[in-house]
Amino acid sequence: MFVSANTSYTINPLYNHTITLSEGAVMTKAFRTNTPGTPILSNVFTKAAIQSLLDQPGCAGIRDYNAIDANGVRTLVKVGVDSDGNDMVGTGNIILDRALHCPPSVCSSVNPLNTD
């Protein structure tokens, strides 16, 4: 098991997470190729759900944890992160799952991110 205690990291609010469509297509194809039989290609979270995480006092970003739900399906657990990089998991904080999985629902039309 890998757990890292983060003791001296501050989230840069200007960090650029942007990639090109080509970069994304290469990465998503690598996932499809290296995880054969994986039924879930993508997860959708509503704008309202994402905004609820970001609107928490002190929230500087969102962390995704890879997870498997009670039905054995891969999913993501999302949690707010403070400016020191700590998960916001105290009483009253919001944690998200219940992603809309593709398939079976909310699949995009064919594009370079979901097709070889």
N, C-alpha and C. Protein backbone atom coordinates (compact mmCIF):
# COMPACT_ATOMS: atom_id res chain seq x y z
N MET A 1 0.86 -1.18 0.00
CA MET A 1 0.00 0.00 0.00
C MET A 1 0.90 1.23 0.00
N PHE A 2 0.51 2.23 -0.79
CA PHE A 2 1.28 3.47 -0.88
C PHE A 2 0.47 4.62 -0.31
N VAL A 3 1.01 5.24 0.69
CA VAL A 3 0.40 6.44 1.25
C VAL A 3 1.54 7.41 1.50
N SER A 4 1.38 8.63 1.03
CA SER A 4 2.41 9.63 1.20
C SER A 4 1.90 10.75 2.08
N ALA A 5 2.64 11.05 3.12
CA ALA A 5 2.27 12.18 3.98
C ALA A 5 2.82 13.45 3.35
N ASN A 6 1.92 14.34 2.98
CA ASN A 6 2.29 15.59 2.34
C ASN A 6 2.52 16.63 3.42
N THR A 7 3.76 17.05 3.58
CA THR A 7 4.04 17.97 4.68
C THR A 7 4.46 19.36 4.22
N SER A 8 4.80 19.54 2.92
CA SER A 8 5.30 20.86 2.53
C SER A 8 4.90 21.25 1.11
N TYR A 9 3.70 20.94 0.71
CA TYR A 9 3.28 21.25 -0.64
C TYR A 9 2.13 22.25 -0.62
N THR A 10 2.23 23.26 -1.45
CA THR A 10 1.16 24.22 -1.61
C THR A 10 0.69 24.16 -3.06
N ILE A 11 -0.62 24.12 -3.26
CA ILE A 11 -1.18 24.05 -4.61
C ILE A 11 -1.01 25.40 -5.29
N ASN A 12 -0.44 25.37 -6.48
CA ASN A 12 -0.29 26.57 -7.30
C ASN A 12 -1.62 26.80 -8.02
N PRO A 13 -2.35 27.87 -7.69
CA PRO A 13 -3.66 28.08 -8.32
C PRO A 13 -3.56 28.38 -9.82
N LEU A 14 -2.38 28.65 -10.32
CA LEU A 14 -2.20 28.95 -11.74
C LEU A 14 -1.62 27.77 -12.53
N TYR A 15 -1.50 26.62 -11.89
CA TYR A 15 -0.96 25.43 -12.56
C TYR A 15 -1.81 25.13 -13.79
N ASN A 16 -1.15 24.88 -14.91
CA ASN A 16 -1.86 24.64 -16.17
C ASN A 16 -2.10 23.15 -16.36
N HIS A 17 -3.36 22.72 -16.29
CA HIS A 17 -3.74 21.32 -16.47
C HIS A 17 -4.12 21.00 -17.92
N THR A 18 -4.08 21.98 -18.79
CA THR A 18 -4.55 21.83 -20.16
C THR A 18 -3.65 20.92 -20.98
N ILE A 19 -4.27 20.03 -21.75
CA ILE A 19 -3.55 19.20 -22.70
C ILE A 19 -4.25 19.34 -24.05
N THR A 20 -3.59 18.86 -25.10
CA THR A 20 -4.21 18.91 -26.42
C THR A 20 -5.11 17.69 -26.60
N LEU A 21 -5.99 17.78 -27.60
CA LEU A 21 -6.84 16.64 -27.92
C LEU A 21 -5.98 15.44 -28.30
N SER A 22 -4.91 15.66 -29.03
CA SER A 22 -4.01 14.56 -29.42
C SER A 22 -3.41 13.87 -28.19
N GLU A 23 -2.96 14.65 -27.22
CA GLU A 23 -2.39 14.07 -25.99
C GLU A 23 -3.46 13.26 -25.26
N GLY A 24 -4.64 13.82 -25.15
CA GLY A 24 -5.73 13.11 -24.48
C GLY A 24 -6.10 11.83 -25.20
N ALA A 25 -6.13 11.87 -26.53
CA ALA A 25 -6.46 10.69 -27.32
C ALA A 25 -5.44 9.57 -27.10
N VAL A 26 -4.16 9.93 -27.05
CA VAL A 26 -3.11 8.94 -26.80
C VAL A 26 -3.30 8.30 -25.42
N MET A 27 -3.59 9.11 -24.42
CA MET A 27 -3.74 8.59 -23.06
C MET A 27 -4.98 7.72 -22.91
N THR A 28 -6.11 8.15 -23.49
CA THR A 28 -7.32 7.36 -23.35
C THR A 28 -7.23 6.06 -24.14
N LYS A 29 -6.55 6.10 -25.28
CA LYS A 29 -6.33 4.86 -26.05
C LYS A 29 -5.44 3.91 -25.25
N ALA A 30 -4.41 4.44 -24.60
CA ALA A 30 -3.53 3.60 -23.77
C ALA A 30 -4.33 2.92 -22.66
N PHE A 31 -5.26 3.64 -22.08
CA PHE A 31 -6.11 3.04 -21.04
C PHE A 31 -6.94 1.91 -21.62
N ARG A 32 -7.60 2.16 -22.75
CA ARG A 32 -8.44 1.13 -23.37
C ARG A 32 -7.61 -0.09 -23.76
N THR A 33 -6.39 0.15 -24.24
CA THR A 33 -5.52 -0.94 -24.69
C THR A 33 -4.98 -1.75 -23.51
N ASN A 34 -4.63 -1.08 -22.43
CA ASN A 34 -3.97 -1.73 -21.30
C ASN A 34 -4.91 -2.23 -20.22
N THR A 35 -6.19 -1.97 -20.36
CA THR A 35 -7.17 -2.48 -19.40
C THR A 35 -8.30 -3.15 -20.16
N PRO A 36 -7.97 -4.23 -20.88
CA PRO A 36 -9.01 -4.90 -21.67
C PRO A 36 -10.14 -5.40 -20.78
N GLY A 37 -11.33 -5.33 -21.33
CA GLY A 37 -12.49 -5.79 -20.58
C GLY A 37 -13.02 -4.77 -19.60
N THR A 38 -12.37 -3.61 -19.51
CA THR A 38 -12.85 -2.58 -18.61
C THR A 38 -14.13 -1.99 -19.17
N PRO A 39 -15.24 -2.15 -18.46
CA PRO A 39 -16.50 -1.68 -19.02
C PRO A 39 -16.70 -0.17 -18.98
N ILE A 40 -16.05 0.52 -18.07
CA ILE A 40 -16.26 1.96 -17.93
C ILE A 40 -15.18 2.71 -18.69
N LEU A 41 -15.61 3.53 -19.67
CA LEU A 41 -14.68 4.33 -20.45
C LEU A 41 -14.54 5.74 -19.89
N SER A 42 -15.61 6.24 -19.28
CA SER A 42 -15.56 7.60 -18.76
C SER A 42 -16.60 7.78 -17.66
N ASN A 43 -16.47 8.87 -16.92
CA ASN A 43 -17.38 9.22 -15.84
C ASN A 43 -17.80 10.67 -16.00
N VAL A 44 -19.07 10.94 -15.81
CA VAL A 44 -19.56 12.31 -15.88
C VAL A 44 -20.05 12.72 -14.50
N PHE A 45 -19.64 13.92 -14.09
CA PHE A 45 -20.15 14.56 -12.88
C PHE A 45 -20.79 15.87 -13.32
N THR A 46 -21.92 16.20 -12.77
CA THR A 46 -22.61 17.42 -13.18
C THR A 46 -21.85 18.67 -12.72
N LYS A 47 -22.11 19.75 -13.40
CA LYS A 47 -21.51 21.04 -13.05
C LYS A 47 -21.87 21.40 -11.60
N ALA A 48 -23.12 21.16 -11.23
CA ALA A 48 -23.56 21.50 -9.87
C ALA A 48 -22.77 20.71 -8.83
N ALA A 49 -22.51 19.44 -9.11
CA ALA A 49 -21.74 18.62 -8.16
C ALA A 49 -20.31 19.12 -8.03
N ILE A 50 -19.67 19.40 -9.17
CA ILE A 50 -18.29 19.91 -9.14
C ILE A 50 -18.26 21.27 -8.44
N GLN A 51 -19.23 22.12 -8.75
CA GLN A 51 -19.27 23.45 -8.12
C GLN A 51 -19.45 23.34 -6.62
N SER A 52 -20.24 22.34 -6.16
CA SER A 52 -20.43 22.17 -4.71
C SER A 52 -19.12 21.86 -4.01
N LEU A 53 -18.23 21.10 -4.66
CA LEU A 53 -16.90 20.85 -4.08
C LEU A 53 -16.09 22.14 -4.05
N LEU A 54 -16.05 22.84 -5.18
CA LEU A 54 -15.23 24.04 -5.29
C LEU A 54 -15.71 25.17 -4.39
N ASP A 55 -17.01 25.22 -4.11
CA ASP A 55 -17.57 26.30 -3.29
C ASP A 55 -17.35 26.12 -1.80
N GLN A 56 -16.78 25.00 -1.37
CA GLN A 56 -16.51 24.81 0.05
C GLN A 56 -15.44 25.80 0.50
N PRO A 57 -15.64 26.44 1.65
CA PRO A 57 -14.63 27.38 2.14
C PRO A 57 -13.25 26.71 2.23
N GLY A 58 -12.25 27.35 1.65
CA GLY A 58 -10.88 26.86 1.70
C GLY A 58 -10.51 25.88 0.60
N CYS A 59 -11.45 25.55 -0.29
CA CYS A 59 -11.18 24.58 -1.34
C CYS A 59 -10.33 25.23 -2.45
N ALA A 60 -9.20 24.58 -2.77
CA ALA A 60 -8.30 25.09 -3.80
C ALA A 60 -8.26 24.20 -5.03
N GLY A 61 -8.90 23.03 -4.95
CA GLY A 61 -8.89 22.11 -6.08
C GLY A 61 -9.68 20.86 -5.76
N ILE A 62 -9.59 19.89 -6.67
CA ILE A 62 -10.31 18.63 -6.51
C ILE A 62 -9.34 17.48 -6.71
N ARG A 63 -9.42 16.48 -5.84
CA ARG A 63 -8.63 15.27 -5.98
C ARG A 63 -9.57 14.12 -6.36
N ASP A 64 -9.13 13.30 -7.33
CA ASP A 64 -9.85 12.10 -7.71
C ASP A 64 -9.14 10.89 -7.15
N TYR A 65 -9.91 10.00 -6.55
CA TYR A 65 -9.40 8.71 -6.13
C TYR A 65 -10.03 7.64 -7.02
N ASN A 66 -9.20 6.77 -7.59
CA ASN A 66 -9.72 5.62 -8.31
C ASN A 66 -10.37 4.71 -7.28
N ALA A 67 -11.53 4.17 -7.64
CA ALA A 67 -12.28 3.37 -6.67
C ALA A 67 -13.08 2.29 -7.39
N ILE A 68 -13.58 1.36 -6.62
CA ILE A 68 -14.50 0.34 -7.11
C ILE A 68 -15.73 0.40 -6.21
N ASP A 69 -16.90 0.56 -6.84
CA ASP A 69 -18.12 0.71 -6.05
C ASP A 69 -18.63 -0.63 -5.54
N ALA A 70 -19.74 -0.60 -4.83
CA ALA A 70 -20.30 -1.81 -4.21
C ALA A 70 -20.70 -2.86 -5.23
N ASN A 71 -20.89 -2.45 -6.49
CA ASN A 71 -21.23 -3.40 -7.56
C ASN A 71 -20.01 -3.90 -8.31
N GLY A 72 -18.81 -3.52 -7.85
CA GLY A 72 -17.58 -3.96 -8.50
C GLY A 72 -17.22 -3.16 -9.73
N VAL A 73 -17.81 -1.98 -9.90
CA VAL A 73 -17.58 -1.14 -11.08
C VAL A 73 -16.57 -0.04 -10.73
N ARG A 74 -15.59 0.15 -11.64
CA ARG A 74 -14.62 1.24 -11.45
C ARG A 74 -15.35 2.58 -11.43
N THR A 75 -14.90 3.45 -10.55
CA THR A 75 -15.48 4.77 -10.47
C THR A 75 -14.43 5.73 -9.93
N LEU A 76 -14.82 6.95 -9.73
CA LEU A 76 -13.96 7.96 -9.12
C LEU A 76 -14.64 8.51 -7.88
N VAL A 77 -13.86 8.72 -6.84
CA VAL A 77 -14.33 9.43 -5.65
C VAL A 77 -13.63 10.79 -5.69
N LYS A 78 -14.40 11.86 -5.64
CA LYS A 78 -13.85 13.22 -5.72
C LYS A 78 -13.99 13.89 -4.36
N VAL A 79 -12.93 14.60 -4.00
CA VAL A 79 -12.92 15.31 -2.72
C VAL A 79 -12.25 16.66 -2.93
N GLY A 80 -12.71 17.67 -2.21
CA GLY A 80 -12.05 18.96 -2.24
C GLY A 80 -10.69 18.88 -1.59
N VAL A 81 -9.78 19.76 -2.05
CA VAL A 81 -8.42 19.81 -1.53
C VAL A 81 -8.14 21.24 -1.11
N ASP A 82 -7.53 21.42 0.06
CA ASP A 82 -7.18 22.77 0.50
C ASP A 82 -5.86 23.22 -0.14
N SER A 83 -5.46 24.44 0.11
CA SER A 83 -4.27 25.00 -0.54
C SER A 83 -2.97 24.31 -0.12
N ASP A 84 -3.01 23.54 0.97
CA ASP A 84 -1.83 22.77 1.39
C ASP A 84 -1.83 21.36 0.79
N GLY A 85 -2.83 21.05 -0.02
CA GLY A 85 -2.90 19.74 -0.66
C GLY A 85 -3.57 18.67 0.18
N ASN A 86 -4.24 19.08 1.25
CA ASN A 86 -4.91 18.11 2.13
C ASN A 86 -6.35 17.90 1.70
N ASP A 87 -6.79 16.64 1.75
CA ASP A 87 -8.19 16.33 1.47
C ASP A 87 -9.09 17.00 2.49
N MET A 88 -10.18 17.54 2.00
CA MET A 88 -11.17 18.17 2.87
C MET A 88 -12.23 17.12 3.22
N VAL A 89 -11.97 16.39 4.29
CA VAL A 89 -12.82 15.26 4.65
C VAL A 89 -13.41 15.41 6.05
N GLY A 90 -13.43 16.62 6.56
CA GLY A 90 -13.99 16.85 7.89
C GLY A 90 -15.51 16.82 7.87
N THR A 91 -16.08 16.91 9.05
CA THR A 91 -17.53 16.94 9.19
C THR A 91 -18.11 18.07 8.35
N GLY A 92 -19.10 17.76 7.54
CA GLY A 92 -19.75 18.75 6.71
C GLY A 92 -19.14 18.93 5.33
N ASN A 93 -17.95 18.36 5.09
CA ASN A 93 -17.36 18.45 3.76
C ASN A 93 -18.06 17.49 2.81
N ILE A 94 -18.00 17.82 1.53
CA ILE A 94 -18.67 17.05 0.49
C ILE A 94 -17.69 16.08 -0.16
N ILE A 95 -18.13 14.86 -0.37
CA ILE A 95 -17.36 13.86 -1.11
C ILE A 95 -18.29 13.34 -2.20
N LEU A 96 -17.77 13.25 -3.42
CA LEU A 96 -18.61 12.82 -4.55
C LEU A 96 -18.23 11.45 -5.06
N ASP A 97 -19.25 10.71 -5.49
CA ASP A 97 -19.13 9.53 -6.34
C ASP A 97 -20.42 9.53 -7.15
N ARG A 98 -21.01 8.40 -7.31
CA ARG A 98 -22.23 8.27 -8.09
C ARG A 98 -22.09 8.92 -9.47
N ALA A 99 -20.91 8.71 -10.06
CA ALA A 99 -20.66 9.22 -11.41
C ALA A 99 -21.63 8.58 -12.38
N LEU A 100 -21.94 9.30 -13.42
CA LEU A 100 -22.72 8.74 -14.53
C LEU A 100 -21.71 8.08 -15.45
N HIS A 101 -21.73 6.76 -15.49
CA HIS A 101 -20.71 6.00 -16.22
C HIS A 101 -21.07 5.85 -17.69
N CYS A 102 -20.05 5.83 -18.52
CA CYS A 102 -20.20 5.51 -19.93
C CYS A 102 -19.35 4.28 -20.23
N PRO A 103 -19.91 3.21 -20.75
CA PRO A 103 -21.34 2.96 -20.80
C PRO A 103 -21.88 2.62 -19.41
N PRO A 104 -23.12 2.59 -19.16
CA PRO A 104 -24.23 2.53 -20.09
C PRO A 104 -24.87 3.87 -20.39
N SER A 105 -24.60 4.90 -19.59
CA SER A 105 -25.31 6.16 -19.81
C SER A 105 -24.34 7.28 -20.16
N VAL A 106 -24.85 8.36 -20.61
CA VAL A 106 -24.13 9.61 -20.84
C VAL A 106 -22.83 9.42 -21.63
N CYS A 107 -22.89 8.66 -22.70
CA CYS A 107 -21.73 8.49 -23.56
C CYS A 107 -21.71 9.59 -24.61
N SER A 108 -20.51 10.07 -24.89
CA SER A 108 -20.34 11.10 -25.90
C SER A 108 -20.47 10.49 -27.29
N SER A 109 -20.73 11.36 -28.26
CA SER A 109 -20.64 10.91 -29.64
C SER A 109 -19.18 10.53 -29.91
N VAL A 110 -18.96 9.80 -30.98
CA VAL A 110 -17.62 9.31 -31.32
C VAL A 110 -16.67 10.49 -31.51
N ASN A 111 -15.50 10.41 -30.86
CA ASN A 111 -14.47 11.43 -31.00
C ASN A 111 -13.12 10.79 -30.66
N PRO A 112 -12.00 11.51 -30.84
CA PRO A 112 -10.68 10.91 -30.62
C PRO A 112 -10.42 10.42 -29.17
N LEU A 113 -11.20 10.88 -28.20
CA LEU A 113 -10.98 10.44 -26.83
C LEU A 113 -11.62 9.08 -26.53
N ASN A 114 -12.58 8.67 -27.36
CA ASN A 114 -13.30 7.42 -27.04
C ASN A 114 -13.27 6.38 -28.16
N THR A 115 -12.47 6.62 -29.19
CA THR A 115 -12.42 5.72 -30.32
C THR A 115 -10.99 5.56 -30.81
N ASP A 116 -10.62 4.35 -31.21
CA ASP A 116 -9.27 4.13 -31.74
C ASP A 116 -9.17 4.69 -33.15
